[in-house]
C-alpha atoms as a PDB file:
ATOM      1  CA  UNK A   1     -81.363  -5.075  25.259  1.00  0.00           C
ATOM      2  CA  UNK A   2     -77.622  -6.803  25.558  1.00  0.00           C
ATOM      3  CA  UNK A   3     -75.940  -6.651  28.594  1.00  0.00           C
ATOM      4  CA  UNK A   4     -73.208  -4.044  27.444  1.00  0.00           C
ATOM      5  CA  UNK A   5     -76.219  -1.794  26.270  1.00  0.00           C
ATOM      6  CA  UNK A   6     -77.418  -1.947  29.861  1.00  0.00           C
ATOM      7  CA  UNK A   7     -74.059  -1.363  31.444  1.00  0.00           C
ATOM      8  CA  UNK A   8     -73.617   1.760  29.032  1.00  0.00           C
ATOM      9  CA  UNK A   9     -76.790   2.970  30.721  1.00  0.00           C
ATOM     10  CA  UNK A  10     -75.233   3.119  33.800  1.00  0.00           C
ATOM     11  CA  UNK A  11     -71.610   3.647  32.965  1.00  0.00           C
ATOM     12  CA  UNK A  12     -71.401   5.521  29.521  1.00  0.00           C
ATOM     13  CA  UNK A  13     -68.082   5.083  27.589  1.00  0.00           C
ATOM     14  CA  UNK A  14     -65.860   8.050  27.790  1.00  0.00           C
ATOM     15  CA  UNK A  15     -62.894   9.501  25.633  1.00  0.00           C
ATOM     16  CA  UNK A  16     -59.858   8.313  26.936  1.00  0.00           C
ATOM     17  CA  UNK A  17     -58.323  11.835  26.105  1.00  0.00           C
ATOM     18  CA  UNK A  18     -60.777  14.322  27.462  1.00  0.00           C
ATOM     19  CA  UNK A  19     -63.458  12.206  29.533  1.00  0.00           C
ATOM     20  CA  UNK A  20     -66.430  13.073  27.391  1.00  0.00           C
ATOM     21  CA  UNK A  21     -68.970  10.571  27.288  1.00  0.00           C
ATOM     22  CA  UNK A  22     -68.980   9.162  23.932  1.00  0.00           C
ATOM     23  CA  UNK A  23     -71.954   9.695  21.853  1.00  0.00           C
ATOM     24  CA  UNK A  24     -73.166   6.192  20.100  1.00  0.00           C
ATOM     25  CA  UNK A  25     -71.903   6.653  17.032  1.00  0.00           C
ATOM     26  CA  UNK A  26     -68.414   7.155  18.188  1.00  0.00           C
ATOM     27  CA  UNK A  27     -68.260   4.131  20.835  1.00  0.00           C
ATOM     28  CA  UNK A  28     -66.952   1.835  18.437  1.00  0.00           C
ATOM     29  CA  UNK A  29     -64.379   4.490  17.578  1.00  0.00           C
ATOM     30  CA  UNK A  30     -63.394   4.622  21.234  1.00  0.00           C
ATOM     31  CA  UNK A  31     -62.256   8.855  20.639  1.00  0.00           C
ATOM     32  CA  UNK A  32     -64.513  11.334  20.457  1.00  0.00           C
ATOM     33  CA  UNK A  33     -64.570  13.634  17.357  1.00  0.00           C
ATOM     34  CA  UNK A  34     -62.767  16.713  18.959  1.00  0.00           C
ATOM     35  CA  UNK A  35     -60.108  14.888  19.563  1.00  0.00           C
ATOM     36  CA  UNK A  36     -59.521  12.632  16.657  1.00  0.00           C
ATOM     37  CA  UNK A  37     -59.655  16.239  14.996  1.00  0.00           C
ATOM     38  CA  UNK A  38     -56.419  17.086  17.061  1.00  0.00           C
ATOM     39  CA  UNK A  39     -52.751  16.252  16.418  1.00  0.00           C
ATOM     40  CA  UNK A  40     -52.229  13.712  19.021  1.00  0.00           C
ATOM     41  CA  UNK A  41     -51.356  10.982  16.729  1.00  0.00           C
ATOM     42  CA  UNK A  42     -47.957   9.701  15.747  1.00  0.00           C
ATOM     43  CA  UNK A  43     -47.207  10.430  12.149  1.00  0.00           C
ATOM     44  CA  UNK A  44     -44.729  10.803   9.908  1.00  0.00           C
ATOM     45  CA  UNK A  45     -41.106   9.434  10.464  1.00  0.00           C
ATOM     46  CA  UNK A  46     -40.838   7.173  13.434  1.00  0.00           C
ATOM     47  CA  UNK A  47     -38.261   4.914  14.796  1.00  0.00           C
ATOM     48  CA  UNK A  48     -38.225   1.452  13.669  1.00  0.00           C
ATOM     49  CA  UNK A  49     -37.657   0.257  17.414  1.00  0.00           C
ATOM     50  CA  UNK A  50     -39.691   2.108  19.707  1.00  0.00           C
ATOM     51  CA  UNK A  51     -42.025   4.334  17.625  1.00  0.00           C
ATOM     52  CA  UNK A  52     -41.166   7.398  18.859  1.00  0.00           C
ATOM     53  CA  UNK A  53     -41.195  10.388  16.327  1.00  0.00           C
ATOM     54  CA  UNK A  54     -37.721  11.142  14.517  1.00  0.00           C
ATOM     55  CA  UNK A  55     -36.975  13.826  11.988  1.00  0.00           C
ATOM     56  CA  UNK A  56     -34.983  13.032   8.869  1.00  0.00           C
ATOM     57  CA  UNK A  57     -34.638   9.583   7.063  1.00  0.00           C
ATOM     58  CA  UNK A  58     -32.934   7.800  10.257  1.00  0.00           C
ATOM     59  CA  UNK A  59     -34.307   4.158  10.903  1.00  0.00           C
ATOM     60  CA  UNK A  60     -33.672   4.478  14.828  1.00  0.00           C
ATOM     61  CA  UNK A  61     -33.894   7.449  17.168  1.00  0.00           C
ATOM     62  CA  UNK A  62     -30.877   8.588  19.042  1.00  0.00           C
ATOM     63  CA  UNK A  63     -31.744   6.349  22.569  1.00  0.00           C
ATOM     64  CA  UNK A  64     -32.405   3.290  20.058  1.00  0.00           C
ATOM     65  CA  UNK A  65     -28.956   3.780  18.529  1.00  0.00           C
ATOM     66  CA  UNK A  66     -27.365   3.950  22.275  1.00  0.00           C
ATOM     67  CA  UNK A  67     -28.945   1.093  23.882  1.00  0.00           C
ATOM     68  CA  UNK A  68     -30.758  -1.985  23.026  1.00  0.00           C
ATOM     69  CA  UNK A  69     -34.207  -2.824  24.397  1.00  0.00           C
ATOM     70  CA  UNK A  70     -35.578  -5.675  25.426  1.00  0.00           C
ATOM     71  CA  UNK A  71     -38.428  -5.763  22.980  1.00  0.00           C
ATOM     72  CA  UNK A  72     -38.105  -5.974  19.320  1.00  0.00           C
ATOM     73  CA  UNK A  73     -40.540  -3.497  18.224  1.00  0.00           C
ATOM     74  CA  UNK A  74     -42.989  -0.891  19.816  1.00  0.00           C
ATOM     75  CA  UNK A  75     -45.522   1.412  18.545  1.00  0.00           C
ATOM     76  CA  UNK A  76     -47.379   4.242  20.178  1.00  0.00           C
ATOM     77  CA  UNK A  77     -50.874   5.523  19.242  1.00  0.00           C
ATOM     78  CA  UNK A  78     -50.512   9.355  20.742  1.00  0.00           C
ATOM     79  CA  UNK A  79     -47.632  11.694  21.078  1.00  0.00           C
ATOM     80  CA  UNK A  80     -47.488  11.846  25.016  1.00  0.00           C
ATOM     81  CA  UNK A  81     -47.947  15.562  25.647  1.00  0.00           C
ATOM     82  CA  UNK A  82     -50.645  18.361  26.187  1.00  0.00           C
ATOM     83  CA  UNK A  83     -54.180  16.464  26.863  1.00  0.00           C
ATOM     84  CA  UNK A  84     -52.738  13.487  26.291  1.00  0.00           C
ATOM     85  CA  UNK A  85     -50.641  13.477  29.896  1.00  0.00           C
ATOM     86  CA  UNK A  86     -53.769  14.559  31.751  1.00  0.00           C
END
């Protein structure tokens, strides 16, 4: 038994979105099955600079067209609303 396995017995890994304890088959993925099925992930057209969802065929969102950021490129995983805010 590895140290990580012992640690997981006392402090089991949880889903970062809903705080449910992850089953052993989900530990590697890091997110529970119910949250994977929800529409949390940013998909579709995204800004080439900040990674926000955009509509249409633009390359950059309105914020990035107005202002230069200190970073070259950013990419978010989740849409920051509903359960992700919690």
